[in-house]
C-alpha atoms as a PDB file:
ATOM      1  CA  UNK A   1      13.462  50.122   4.667  1.00  0.00           C
ATOM      2  CA  UNK A   2      10.583  51.439   2.587  1.00  0.00           C
ATOM      3  CA  UNK A   3       9.753  55.048   3.437  1.00  0.00           C
ATOM      4  CA  UNK A   4       6.210  56.386   3.203  1.00  0.00           C
ATOM      5  CA  UNK A   5       4.359  53.056   3.058  1.00  0.00           C
ATOM      6  CA  UNK A   6       0.890  53.085   4.586  1.00  0.00           C
ATOM      7  CA  UNK A   7      -1.836  51.746   2.347  1.00  0.00           C
ATOM      8  CA  UNK A   8      -0.469  50.139  -0.786  1.00  0.00           C
ATOM      9  CA  UNK A   9      -1.727  49.126  -4.212  1.00  0.00           C
ATOM     10  CA  UNK A  10      -1.092  45.871  -6.073  1.00  0.00           C
ATOM     11  CA  UNK A  11       0.746  47.808  -8.798  1.00  0.00           C
ATOM     12  CA  UNK A  12       3.822  49.992  -8.578  1.00  0.00           C
ATOM     13  CA  UNK A  13       5.645  52.246 -11.006  1.00  0.00           C
ATOM     14  CA  UNK A  14       9.352  52.579 -10.258  1.00  0.00           C
ATOM     15  CA  UNK A  15      12.303  54.679 -11.320  1.00  0.00           C
ATOM     16  CA  UNK A  16      15.905  54.803 -10.133  1.00  0.00           C
ATOM     17  CA  UNK A  17      17.930  57.908  -9.286  1.00  0.00           C
ATOM     18  CA  UNK A  18      21.027  59.029  -7.468  1.00  0.00           C
ATOM     19  CA  UNK A  19      21.579  62.564  -6.187  1.00  0.00           C
ATOM     20  CA  UNK A  20      22.617  63.718  -9.657  1.00  0.00           C
ATOM     21  CA  UNK A  21      19.429  62.446 -11.294  1.00  0.00           C
ATOM     22  CA  UNK A  22      16.789  63.855  -8.938  1.00  0.00           C
ATOM     23  CA  UNK A  23      15.312  66.382 -11.450  1.00  0.00           C
ATOM     24  CA  UNK A  24      14.968  63.562 -13.976  1.00  0.00           C
ATOM     25  CA  UNK A  25      13.039  61.454 -11.454  1.00  0.00           C
ATOM     26  CA  UNK A  26      10.749  64.392 -10.657  1.00  0.00           C
ATOM     27  CA  UNK A  27      10.030  64.986 -14.335  1.00  0.00           C
ATOM     28  CA  UNK A  28       9.327  61.313 -14.934  1.00  0.00           C
ATOM     29  CA  UNK A  29       6.874  61.033 -12.043  1.00  0.00           C
ATOM     30  CA  UNK A  30       5.245  64.281 -13.157  1.00  0.00           C
ATOM     31  CA  UNK A  31       4.699  63.022 -16.700  1.00  0.00           C
ATOM     32  CA  UNK A  32       3.294  59.767 -15.307  1.00  0.00           C
ATOM     33  CA  UNK A  33       0.994  61.635 -12.907  1.00  0.00           C
ATOM     34  CA  UNK A  34      -0.311  64.167 -15.401  1.00  0.00           C
ATOM     35  CA  UNK A  35      -0.550  61.971 -18.504  1.00  0.00           C
ATOM     36  CA  UNK A  36      -0.846  58.259 -17.716  1.00  0.00           C
ATOM     37  CA  UNK A  37      -3.711  57.918 -15.245  1.00  0.00           C
ATOM     38  CA  UNK A  38      -1.561  55.413 -13.328  1.00  0.00           C
ATOM     39  CA  UNK A  39      -3.698  53.877 -10.574  1.00  0.00           C
ATOM     40  CA  UNK A  40      -0.957  52.174  -8.570  1.00  0.00           C
ATOM     41  CA  UNK A  41       1.840  53.275  -6.269  1.00  0.00           C
ATOM     42  CA  UNK A  42       4.873  55.342  -7.207  1.00  0.00           C
ATOM     43  CA  UNK A  43       8.293  54.229  -5.953  1.00  0.00           C
ATOM     44  CA  UNK A  44      11.759  55.750  -6.134  1.00  0.00           C
ATOM     45  CA  UNK A  45      14.781  53.483  -5.802  1.00  0.00           C
ATOM     46  CA  UNK A  46      17.010  56.020  -4.052  1.00  0.00           C
ATOM     47  CA  UNK A  47      20.672  55.270  -4.718  1.00  0.00           C
ATOM     48  CA  UNK A  48      22.502  57.144  -1.954  1.00  0.00           C
ATOM     49  CA  UNK A  49      20.042  60.066  -1.992  1.00  0.00           C
ATOM     50  CA  UNK A  50      20.099  62.165   1.219  1.00  0.00           C
ATOM     51  CA  UNK A  51      17.039  62.042   3.465  1.00  0.00           C
ATOM     52  CA  UNK A  52      16.299  65.743   3.006  1.00  0.00           C
ATOM     53  CA  UNK A  53      16.215  65.250  -0.771  1.00  0.00           C
ATOM     54  CA  UNK A  54      14.081  62.108  -0.515  1.00  0.00           C
ATOM     55  CA  UNK A  55      11.568  64.054   1.595  1.00  0.00           C
ATOM     56  CA  UNK A  56      10.356  65.909  -1.506  1.00  0.00           C
ATOM     57  CA  UNK A  57       9.126  62.569  -2.882  1.00  0.00           C
ATOM     58  CA  UNK A  58       7.534  61.269   0.304  1.00  0.00           C
ATOM     59  CA  UNK A  59       5.756  64.607   0.765  1.00  0.00           C
ATOM     60  CA  UNK A  60       4.124  63.968  -2.626  1.00  0.00           C
ATOM     61  CA  UNK A  61       3.023  60.474  -1.628  1.00  0.00           C
ATOM     62  CA  UNK A  62       5.814  58.765  -3.573  1.00  0.00           C
ATOM     63  CA  UNK A  63       7.379  55.819  -1.778  1.00  0.00           C
ATOM     64  CA  UNK A  64      11.146  55.782  -1.362  1.00  0.00           C
ATOM     65  CA  UNK A  65      13.315  52.687  -1.053  1.00  0.00           C
ATOM     66  CA  UNK A  66      16.934  53.559  -0.172  1.00  0.00           C
ATOM     67  CA  UNK A  67      19.357  51.166  -1.872  1.00  0.00           C
ATOM     68  CA  UNK A  68      23.046  50.567  -1.281  1.00  0.00           C
ATOM     69  CA  UNK A  69      25.536  50.320  -4.174  1.00  0.00           C
ATOM     70  CA  UNK A  70      25.974  46.770  -5.411  1.00  0.00           C
ATOM     71  CA  UNK A  71      29.441  47.473  -6.804  1.00  0.00           C
ATOM     72  CA  UNK A  72      31.960  50.303  -6.920  1.00  0.00           C
ATOM     73  CA  UNK A  73      32.919  49.458 -10.470  1.00  0.00           C
ATOM     74  CA  UNK A  74      30.736  50.731 -13.288  1.00  0.00           C
ATOM     75  CA  UNK A  75      30.860  50.142 -17.027  1.00  0.00           C
ATOM     76  CA  UNK A  76      32.803  51.887 -19.787  1.00  0.00           C
ATOM     77  CA  UNK A  77      30.012  54.391 -20.460  1.00  0.00           C
ATOM     78  CA  UNK A  78      27.769  54.024 -17.404  1.00  0.00           C
ATOM     79  CA  UNK A  79      28.215  54.476 -13.650  1.00  0.00           C
ATOM     80  CA  UNK A  80      27.677  51.672 -11.156  1.00  0.00           C
ATOM     81  CA  UNK A  81      24.398  53.356 -10.135  1.00  0.00           C
ATOM     82  CA  UNK A  82      22.530  51.500 -12.868  1.00  0.00           C
ATOM     83  CA  UNK A  83      23.231  48.162 -11.187  1.00  0.00           C
ATOM     84  CA  UNK A  84      20.673  49.207  -8.567  1.00  0.00           C
ATOM     85  CA  UNK A  85      18.003  48.184 -11.087  1.00  0.00           C
ATOM     86  CA  UNK A  86      18.683  44.697  -9.777  1.00  0.00           C
ATOM     87  CA  UNK A  87      16.790  45.676  -6.604  1.00  0.00           C
ATOM     88  CA  UNK A  88      13.610  45.453  -8.685  1.00  0.00           C
ATOM     89  CA  UNK A  89      13.895  41.697  -8.339  1.00  0.00           C
ATOM     90  CA  UNK A  90      14.232  41.475  -4.546  1.00  0.00           C
ATOM     91  CA  UNK A  91      11.634  40.205  -2.054  1.00  0.00           C
ATOM     92  CA  UNK A  92      11.011  43.847  -1.024  1.00  0.00           C
ATOM     93  CA  UNK A  93       9.195  44.361  -4.336  1.00  0.00           C
ATOM     94  CA  UNK A  94       7.035  41.267  -3.881  1.00  0.00           C
ATOM     95  CA  UNK A  95       4.579  43.270  -1.802  1.00  0.00           C
ATOM     96  CA  UNK A  96       3.279  44.333  -5.220  1.00  0.00           C
ATOM     97  CA  UNK A  97       1.828  41.985  -7.815  1.00  0.00           C
ATOM     98  CA  UNK A  98       2.807  44.059 -10.869  1.00  0.00           C
ATOM     99  CA  UNK A  99       5.913  46.230 -11.353  1.00  0.00           C
ATOM    100  CA  UNK A 100       6.538  48.751 -14.117  1.00  0.00           C
ATOM    101  CA  UNK A 101      10.013  50.268 -14.285  1.00  0.00           C
ATOM    102  CA  UNK A 102      10.874  53.389 -16.298  1.00  0.00           C
ATOM    103  CA  UNK A 103      14.281  55.003 -16.738  1.00  0.00           C
ATOM    104  CA  UNK A 104      14.720  58.632 -15.731  1.00  0.00           C
ATOM    105  CA  UNK A 105      15.339  59.770 -19.329  1.00  0.00           C
ATOM    106  CA  UNK A 106      11.727  59.105 -20.286  1.00  0.00           C
ATOM    107  CA  UNK A 107       8.627  61.235 -20.851  1.00  0.00           C
ATOM    108  CA  UNK A 108       5.253  59.475 -20.525  1.00  0.00           C
ATOM    109  CA  UNK A 109       2.501  60.838 -22.767  1.00  0.00           C
ATOM    110  CA  UNK A 110      -0.407  58.389 -22.500  1.00  0.00           C
ATOM    111  CA  UNK A 111      -1.960  55.595 -20.435  1.00  0.00           C
ATOM    112  CA  UNK A 112       0.356  52.936 -18.984  1.00  0.00           C
ATOM    113  CA  UNK A 113      -2.414  50.781 -17.606  1.00  0.00           C
ATOM    114  CA  UNK A 114      -1.960  48.028 -20.194  1.00  0.00           C
ATOM    115  CA  UNK A 115       1.450  47.350 -18.668  1.00  0.00           C
ATOM    116  CA  UNK A 116      -0.186  46.475 -15.356  1.00  0.00           C
ATOM    117  CA  UNK A 117      -1.625  43.333 -16.964  1.00  0.00           C
ATOM    118  CA  UNK A 118       1.653  41.691 -17.995  1.00  0.00           C
ATOM    119  CA  UNK A 119       1.598  38.037 -16.907  1.00  0.00           C
ATOM    120  CA  UNK A 120       5.332  37.309 -16.928  1.00  0.00           C
ATOM    121  CA  UNK A 121       8.075  39.741 -17.985  1.00  0.00           C
ATOM    122  CA  UNK A 122       7.648  42.217 -20.820  1.00  0.00           C
ATOM    123  CA  UNK A 123       9.986  44.662 -22.540  1.00  0.00           C
ATOM    124  CA  UNK A 124      10.685  46.167 -25.950  1.00  0.00           C
ATOM    125  CA  UNK A 125      13.423  44.879 -28.301  1.00  0.00           C
ATOM    126  CA  UNK A 126      16.590  46.924 -28.099  1.00  0.00           C
ATOM    127  CA  UNK A 127      17.329  49.585 -30.701  1.00  0.00           C
ATOM    128  CA  UNK A 128      17.641  48.251 -34.267  1.00  0.00           C
ATOM    129  CA  UNK A 129      16.643  44.851 -32.824  1.00  0.00           C
ATOM    130  CA  UNK A 130      20.159  44.484 -31.495  1.00  0.00           C
ATOM    131  CA  UNK A 131      21.071  40.846 -30.783  1.00  0.00           C
ATOM    132  CA  UNK A 132      22.293  39.593 -27.445  1.00  0.00           C
ATOM    133  CA  UNK A 133      25.879  39.589 -28.696  1.00  0.00           C
ATOM    134  CA  UNK A 134      25.673  43.338 -29.248  1.00  0.00           C
ATOM    135  CA  UNK A 135      25.151  43.849 -25.515  1.00  0.00           C
ATOM    136  CA  UNK A 136      28.744  42.773 -24.852  1.00  0.00           C
ATOM    137  CA  UNK A 137      32.227  43.884 -25.838  1.00  0.00           C
ATOM    138  CA  UNK A 138      33.723  41.345 -28.220  1.00  0.00           C
ATOM    139  CA  UNK A 139      37.303  40.131 -27.676  1.00  0.00           C
ATOM    140  CA  UNK A 140      40.056  42.637 -28.410  1.00  0.00           C
ATOM    141  CA  UNK A 141      43.836  42.167 -28.214  1.00  0.00           C
ATOM    142  CA  UNK A 142      44.243  44.844 -25.532  1.00  0.00           C
ATOM    143  CA  UNK A 143      41.545  43.426 -23.242  1.00  0.00           C
ATOM    144  CA  UNK A 144      43.516  40.526 -21.813  1.00  0.00           C
ATOM    145  CA  UNK A 145      42.916  36.807 -21.473  1.00  0.00           C
ATOM    146  CA  UNK A 146      40.229  37.192 -18.793  1.00  0.00           C
ATOM    147  CA  UNK A 147      38.123  39.228 -21.194  1.00  0.00           C
ATOM    148  CA  UNK A 148      38.514  36.642 -23.970  1.00  0.00           C
ATOM    149  CA  UNK A 149      37.720  33.769 -21.633  1.00  0.00           C
ATOM    150  CA  UNK A 150      34.517  35.442 -20.438  1.00  0.00           C
ATOM    151  CA  UNK A 151      33.331  36.124 -23.981  1.00  0.00           C
ATOM    152  CA  UNK A 152      34.038  32.602 -25.202  1.00  0.00           C
ATOM    153  CA  UNK A 153      32.183  31.216 -22.181  1.00  0.00           C
ATOM    154  CA  UNK A 154      29.274  33.502 -23.060  1.00  0.00           C
ATOM    155  CA  UNK A 155      29.236  32.154 -26.628  1.00  0.00           C
ATOM    156  CA  UNK A 156      29.047  28.585 -25.359  1.00  0.00           C
ATOM    157  CA  UNK A 157      26.156  29.260 -22.982  1.00  0.00           C
ATOM    158  CA  UNK A 158      23.901  31.557 -25.033  1.00  0.00           C
ATOM    159  CA  UNK A 159      22.747  32.053 -28.593  1.00  0.00           C
ATOM    160  CA  UNK A 160      24.115  35.542 -29.200  1.00  0.00           C
ATOM    161  CA  UNK A 161      21.867  35.960 -32.243  1.00  0.00           C
ATOM    162  CA  UNK A 162      18.779  36.203 -30.029  1.00  0.00           C
ATOM    163  CA  UNK A 163      17.205  39.664 -29.969  1.00  0.00           C
ATOM    164  CA  UNK A 164      17.859  41.520 -26.704  1.00  0.00           C
ATOM    165  CA  UNK A 165      15.478  43.819 -24.848  1.00  0.00           C
ATOM    166  CA  UNK A 166      15.950  47.403 -23.732  1.00  0.00           C
ATOM    167  CA  UNK A 167      15.912  47.742 -19.940  1.00  0.00           C
ATOM    168  CA  UNK A 168      14.666  51.336 -19.959  1.00  0.00           C
ATOM    169  CA  UNK A 169      11.113  50.036 -19.646  1.00  0.00           C
ATOM    170  CA  UNK A 170      10.335  46.733 -17.975  1.00  0.00           C
ATOM    171  CA  UNK A 171       6.975  45.409 -16.810  1.00  0.00           C
ATOM    172  CA  UNK A 172       6.553  42.170 -14.912  1.00  0.00           C
ATOM    173  CA  UNK A 173       4.537  40.055 -12.538  1.00  0.00           C
ATOM    174  CA  UNK A 174       6.598  39.519  -9.400  1.00  0.00           C
ATOM    175  CA  UNK A 175       5.414  35.917  -9.257  1.00  0.00           C
ATOM    176  CA  UNK A 176       7.452  35.255 -12.414  1.00  0.00           C
ATOM    177  CA  UNK A 177      10.711  36.211 -10.673  1.00  0.00           C
ATOM    178  CA  UNK A 178      12.658  33.734  -8.530  1.00  0.00           C
ATOM    179  CA  UNK A 179      13.300  34.460  -4.847  1.00  0.00           C
ATOM    180  CA  UNK A 180      17.072  34.393  -5.376  1.00  0.00           C
ATOM    181  CA  UNK A 181      17.033  36.707  -8.398  1.00  0.00           C
ATOM    182  CA  UNK A 182      19.396  39.288  -6.903  1.00  0.00           C
ATOM    183  CA  UNK A 183      21.979  36.619  -6.080  1.00  0.00           C
ATOM    184  CA  UNK A 184      21.648  35.157  -9.578  1.00  0.00           C
ATOM    185  CA  UNK A 185      22.073  38.585 -11.179  1.00  0.00           C
ATOM    186  CA  UNK A 186      25.157  39.342  -9.125  1.00  0.00           C
ATOM    187  CA  UNK A 187      26.694  35.979 -10.059  1.00  0.00           C
ATOM    188  CA  UNK A 188      26.144  36.804 -13.723  1.00  0.00           C
ATOM    189  CA  UNK A 189      27.631  40.262 -13.153  1.00  0.00           C
ATOM    190  CA  UNK A 190      30.684  38.730 -11.483  1.00  0.00           C
ATOM    191  CA  UNK A 191      31.128  36.342 -14.390  1.00  0.00           C
ATOM    192  CA  UNK A 192      30.379  38.650 -17.321  1.00  0.00           C
ATOM    193  CA  UNK A 193      30.530  42.194 -15.953  1.00  0.00           C
ATOM    194  CA  UNK A 194      33.932  42.860 -17.487  1.00  0.00           C
ATOM    195  CA  UNK A 195      32.534  42.379 -21.000  1.00  0.00           C
ATOM    196  CA  UNK A 196      29.088  43.934 -20.411  1.00  0.00           C
ATOM    197  CA  UNK A 197      28.014  47.250 -21.904  1.00  0.00           C
ATOM    198  CA  UNK A 198      25.663  47.932 -18.985  1.00  0.00           C
ATOM    199  CA  UNK A 199      23.272  46.341 -16.515  1.00  0.00           C
ATOM    200  CA  UNK A 200      21.051  45.641 -19.522  1.00  0.00           C
ATOM    201  CA  UNK A 201      23.536  43.009 -20.666  1.00  0.00           C
ATOM    202  CA  UNK A 202      23.202  41.104 -17.383  1.00  0.00           C
ATOM    203  CA  UNK A 203      19.416  41.425 -17.261  1.00  0.00           C
ATOM    204  CA  UNK A 204      19.216  39.932 -20.745  1.00  0.00           C
ATOM    205  CA  UNK A 205      21.215  36.927 -19.581  1.00  0.00           C
ATOM    206  CA  UNK A 206      19.047  36.444 -16.522  1.00  0.00           C
ATOM    207  CA  UNK A 207      15.836  36.645 -18.570  1.00  0.00           C
ATOM    208  CA  UNK A 208      17.253  34.807 -21.582  1.00  0.00           C
ATOM    209  CA  UNK A 209      14.395  33.507 -23.769  1.00  0.00           C
ATOM    210  CA  UNK A 210      11.899  34.334 -21.003  1.00  0.00           C
ATOM    211  CA  UNK A 211      10.748  37.829 -21.963  1.00  0.00           C
ATOM    212  CA  UNK A 212       7.652  38.904 -23.836  1.00  0.00           C
ATOM    213  CA  UNK A 213       8.023  41.352 -26.747  1.00  0.00           C
ATOM    214  CA  UNK A 214       5.913  44.473 -26.121  1.00  0.00           C
ATOM    215  CA  UNK A 215       4.931  47.069 -28.755  1.00  0.00           C
ATOM    216  CA  UNK A 216       7.519  49.758 -29.434  1.00  0.00           C
ATOM    217  CA  UNK A 217       5.108  52.497 -28.306  1.00  0.00           C
ATOM    218  CA  UNK A 218       5.918  51.448 -24.719  1.00  0.00           C
ATOM    219  CA  UNK A 219       9.623  52.243 -25.141  1.00  0.00           C
ATOM    220  CA  UNK A 220       9.975  54.512 -28.139  1.00  0.00           C
ATOM    221  CA  UNK A 221      13.617  55.436 -28.594  1.00  0.00           C
ATOM    222  CA  UNK A 222      12.706  57.314 -31.791  1.00  0.00           C
ATOM    223  CA  UNK A 223      10.825  60.267 -30.281  1.00  0.00           C
ATOM    224  CA  UNK A 224      11.723  62.179 -33.424  1.00  0.00           C
ATOM    225  CA  UNK A 225      12.018  61.098 -37.033  1.00  0.00           C
ATOM    226  CA  UNK A 226      15.017  62.659 -38.690  1.00  0.00           C
ATOM    227  CA  UNK A 227      16.227  62.009 -42.243  1.00  0.00           C
ATOM    228  CA  UNK A 228      20.005  61.866 -42.585  1.00  0.00           C
ATOM    229  CA  UNK A 229      21.725  65.263 -42.475  1.00  0.00           C
ATOM    230  CA  UNK A 230      18.479  67.054 -41.624  1.00  0.00           C
ATOM    231  CA  UNK A 231      18.313  67.503 -37.855  1.00  0.00           C
ATOM    232  CA  UNK A 232      14.658  68.468 -37.866  1.00  0.00           C
ATOM    233  CA  UNK A 233      12.825  66.956 -34.936  1.00  0.00           C
ATOM    234  CA  UNK A 234       9.308  65.721 -35.489  1.00  0.00           C
ATOM    235  CA  UNK A 235       7.519  64.099 -32.514  1.00  0.00           C
ATOM    236  CA  UNK A 236       6.157  60.610 -33.050  1.00  0.00           C
ATOM    237  CA  UNK A 237       3.179  59.106 -31.248  1.00  0.00           C
ATOM    238  CA  UNK A 238       4.014  56.826 -28.315  1.00  0.00           C
ATOM    239  CA  UNK A 239       3.108  56.087 -24.720  1.00  0.00           C
ATOM    240  CA  UNK A 240       6.741  56.164 -23.541  1.00  0.00           C
ATOM    241  CA  UNK A 241       9.243  58.499 -25.196  1.00  0.00           C
ATOM    242  CA  UNK A 242      12.759  57.315 -24.332  1.00  0.00           C
ATOM    243  CA  UNK A 243      15.736  59.594 -24.993  1.00  0.00           C
ATOM    244  CA  UNK A 244      18.709  57.285 -25.302  1.00  0.00           C
ATOM    245  CA  UNK A 245      21.174  59.929 -26.514  1.00  0.00           C
ATOM    246  CA  UNK A 246      19.570  63.290 -27.151  1.00  0.00           C
ATOM    247  CA  UNK A 247      18.622  64.231 -23.590  1.00  0.00           C
ATOM    248  CA  UNK A 248      15.842  66.840 -23.444  1.00  0.00           C
ATOM    249  CA  UNK A 249      17.317  68.629 -20.419  1.00  0.00           C
ATOM    250  CA  UNK A 250      20.484  69.547 -22.319  1.00  0.00           C
ATOM    251  CA  UNK A 251      18.780  72.107 -24.580  1.00  0.00           C
ATOM    252  CA  UNK A 252      15.716  74.353 -24.616  1.00  0.00           C
ATOM    253  CA  UNK A 253      14.815  74.863 -28.266  1.00  0.00           C
ATOM    254  CA  UNK A 254      13.086  71.624 -29.299  1.00  0.00           C
ATOM    255  CA  UNK A 255       9.600  70.263 -28.662  1.00  0.00           C
ATOM    256  CA  UNK A 256      10.635  67.643 -26.124  1.00  0.00           C
ATOM    257  CA  UNK A 257      13.092  70.011 -24.412  1.00  0.00           C
ATOM    258  CA  UNK A 258      10.218  72.381 -23.675  1.00  0.00           C
ATOM    259  CA  UNK A 259       7.896  69.544 -22.707  1.00  0.00           C
ATOM    260  CA  UNK A 260      10.476  68.106 -20.304  1.00  0.00           C
ATOM    261  CA  UNK A 261      10.952  71.492 -18.600  1.00  0.00           C
ATOM    262  CA  UNK A 262       7.189  71.930 -18.368  1.00  0.00           C
ATOM    263  CA  UNK A 263       6.752  68.512 -16.756  1.00  0.00           C
ATOM    264  CA  UNK A 264       9.502  69.263 -14.260  1.00  0.00           C
ATOM    265  CA  UNK A 265       7.803  72.523 -13.258  1.00  0.00           C
ATOM    266  CA  UNK A 266       4.481  70.704 -12.932  1.00  0.00           C
ATOM    267  CA  UNK A 267       6.028  68.109 -10.587  1.00  0.00           C
ATOM    268  CA  UNK A 268       5.218  70.501  -7.722  1.00  0.00           C
ATOM    269  CA  UNK A 269       1.538  69.833  -8.423  1.00  0.00           C
ATOM    270  CA  UNK A 270       1.748  66.067  -7.902  1.00  0.00           C
ATOM    271  CA  UNK A 271      -0.913  64.996  -5.403  1.00  0.00           C
ATOM    272  CA  UNK A 272      -1.449  61.246  -5.349  1.00  0.00           C
ATOM    273  CA  UNK A 273      -4.579  61.764  -3.320  1.00  0.00           C
ATOM    274  CA  UNK A 274      -6.124  63.239  -6.458  1.00  0.00           C
ATOM    275  CA  UNK A 275      -5.623  61.170  -9.600  1.00  0.00           C
ATOM    276  CA  UNK A 276      -6.373  62.582 -13.039  1.00  0.00           C
ATOM    277  CA  UNK A 277      -7.545  60.415 -15.956  1.00  0.00           C
ATOM    278  CA  UNK A 278      -4.982  59.638 -18.674  1.00  0.00           C
ATOM    279  CA  UNK A 279      -4.286  62.396 -21.155  1.00  0.00           C
ATOM    280  CA  UNK A 280      -4.693  59.819 -23.895  1.00  0.00           C
ATOM    281  CA  UNK A 281      -5.411  56.113 -24.276  1.00  0.00           C
ATOM    282  CA  UNK A 282      -3.996  54.657 -27.464  1.00  0.00           C
ATOM    283  CA  UNK A 283      -6.450  52.389 -29.235  1.00  0.00           C
ATOM    284  CA  UNK A 284      -5.428  48.957 -30.466  1.00  0.00           C
ATOM    285  CA  UNK A 285      -5.464  50.312 -34.020  1.00  0.00           C
ATOM    286  CA  UNK A 286      -3.197  53.223 -33.054  1.00  0.00           C
ATOM    287  CA  UNK A 287      -0.763  50.900 -31.293  1.00  0.00           C
ATOM    288  CA  UNK A 288      -0.647  48.623 -34.333  1.00  0.00           C
ATOM    289  CA  UNK A 289      -0.182  51.524 -36.758  1.00  0.00           C
ATOM    290  CA  UNK A 290       2.682  52.946 -34.712  1.00  0.00           C
ATOM    291  CA  UNK A 291       4.191  49.490 -34.342  1.00  0.00           C
ATOM    292  CA  UNK A 292       4.420  49.206 -38.118  1.00  0.00           C
ATOM    293  CA  UNK A 293       5.968  52.673 -38.425  1.00  0.00           C
ATOM    294  CA  UNK A 294       8.425  52.318 -35.543  1.00  0.00           C
ATOM    295  CA  UNK A 295       9.415  48.803 -36.596  1.00  0.00           C
ATOM    296  CA  UNK A 296      10.290  50.168 -40.026  1.00  0.00           C
ATOM    297  CA  UNK A 297      12.374  52.956 -38.460  1.00  0.00           C
ATOM    298  CA  UNK A 298      13.966  50.575 -35.967  1.00  0.00           C
ATOM    299  CA  UNK A 299      14.904  47.914 -38.490  1.00  0.00           C
ATOM    300  CA  UNK A 300      15.534  50.028 -41.552  1.00  0.00           C
ATOM    301  CA  UNK A 301      18.811  51.658 -40.611  1.00  0.00           C
ATOM    302  CA  UNK A 302      21.764  50.265 -42.519  1.00  0.00           C
ATOM    303  CA  UNK A 303      25.445  50.740 -41.673  1.00  0.00           C
ATOM    304  CA  UNK A 304      25.926  53.850 -43.825  1.00  0.00           C
ATOM    305  CA  UNK A 305      22.877  55.622 -42.433  1.00  0.00           C
ATOM    306  CA  UNK A 306      23.976  54.757 -38.902  1.00  0.00           C
ATOM    307  CA  UNK A 307      27.284  56.491 -39.627  1.00  0.00           C
ATOM    308  CA  UNK A 308      25.494  59.530 -41.027  1.00  0.00           C
ATOM    309  CA  UNK A 309      23.114  59.680 -38.057  1.00  0.00           C
ATOM    310  CA  UNK A 310      26.043  59.433 -35.662  1.00  0.00           C
ATOM    311  CA  UNK A 311      27.767  62.305 -37.475  1.00  0.00           C
ATOM    312  CA  UNK A 312      24.652  64.465 -37.208  1.00  0.00           C
ATOM    313  CA  UNK A 313      24.258  63.564 -33.521  1.00  0.00           C
ATOM    314  CA  UNK A 314      27.801  64.823 -32.967  1.00  0.00           C
ATOM    315  CA  UNK A 315      27.666  67.859 -35.266  1.00  0.00           C
ATOM    316  CA  UNK A 316      24.269  69.240 -34.276  1.00  0.00           C
ATOM    317  CA  UNK A 317      25.094  70.107 -30.630  1.00  0.00           C
ATOM    318  CA  UNK A 318      28.577  71.259 -31.617  1.00  0.00           C
ATOM    319  CA  UNK A 319      27.100  73.733 -34.113  1.00  0.00           C
ATOM    320  CA  UNK A 320      24.777  74.953 -31.383  1.00  0.00           C
ATOM    321  CA  UNK A 321      27.692  75.526 -28.997  1.00  0.00           C
ATOM    322  CA  UNK A 322      29.632  77.446 -31.645  1.00  0.00           C
ATOM    323  CA  UNK A 323      26.588  79.574 -32.338  1.00  0.00           C
ATOM    324  CA  UNK A 324      26.171  80.419 -28.657  1.00  0.00           C
ATOM    325  CA  UNK A 325      29.842  81.371 -28.419  1.00  0.00           C
ATOM    326  CA  UNK A 326      29.528  83.661 -31.451  1.00  0.00           C
ATOM    327  CA  UNK A 327      26.461  85.315 -29.929  1.00  0.00           C
ATOM    328  CA  UNK A 328      28.268  85.674 -26.608  1.00  0.00           C
ATOM    329  CA  UNK A 329      25.731  83.551 -24.698  1.00  0.00           C
END
């Protein structure tokens, strides 16, 4: 049952959290409130979050929808919590006309209002324009016959060369989603879950060839531009800054680390009865300019540079840990 619903808008901005991700949800809503000028409702999909914890959100005017786990089994690198994104496509969400979903590892820096005008389903291509096949684990000798059978069935039913979308930001008109969407998603999960990297894999099957490509500024997973072997972080312009690996709450010494902590502290000042204008509205020219830049970054990473970037991603935090140990901190 939806908690905190009195008067409601036609638009809703949603995030998902369990009890371990509550600070991330607070920071996200804070960055939306202080920077985006969002005019619609705010909604938390609360995955097994205690009532006393959920009260913080309802006290701020944020709606809370408690959701039950859809499966006990997660993915190789992700917990089963992320399957609760499927609740976005239930009749409960049809009370709104437009839905914008943002992951909890996001900072919003400018107006989101353009996303409230999506006619069908919109998202941003996955990192490096990863194809659909890259969302699944290909057959391996140690995976068993069931794994091979599922992958070969997938190959027969879908063109795995199609570009996939990133499910960290999704915007859609609820009228474009079928009434039985949750059942359809769970059937796909039952069939292909064993070879899926995450819930994103299943969502891409459900929305196969039905999603609209949105500009990368609405799901920028390059919030810093870093040449190989030079871990110097330089913020890039975007509406949505999405931290796929380098989480800003894990350190305190970089621009986005400090910004994330600031947004979290400012979450106590959320008052949905008083809406501020957006901190910035990107012009069409700015969106196009950033699209050209981010497309180049997104598509211009070859195999060798990917290896070098991965090495830096591993070495940089390790060097920091060694330094802290040497300093006795």
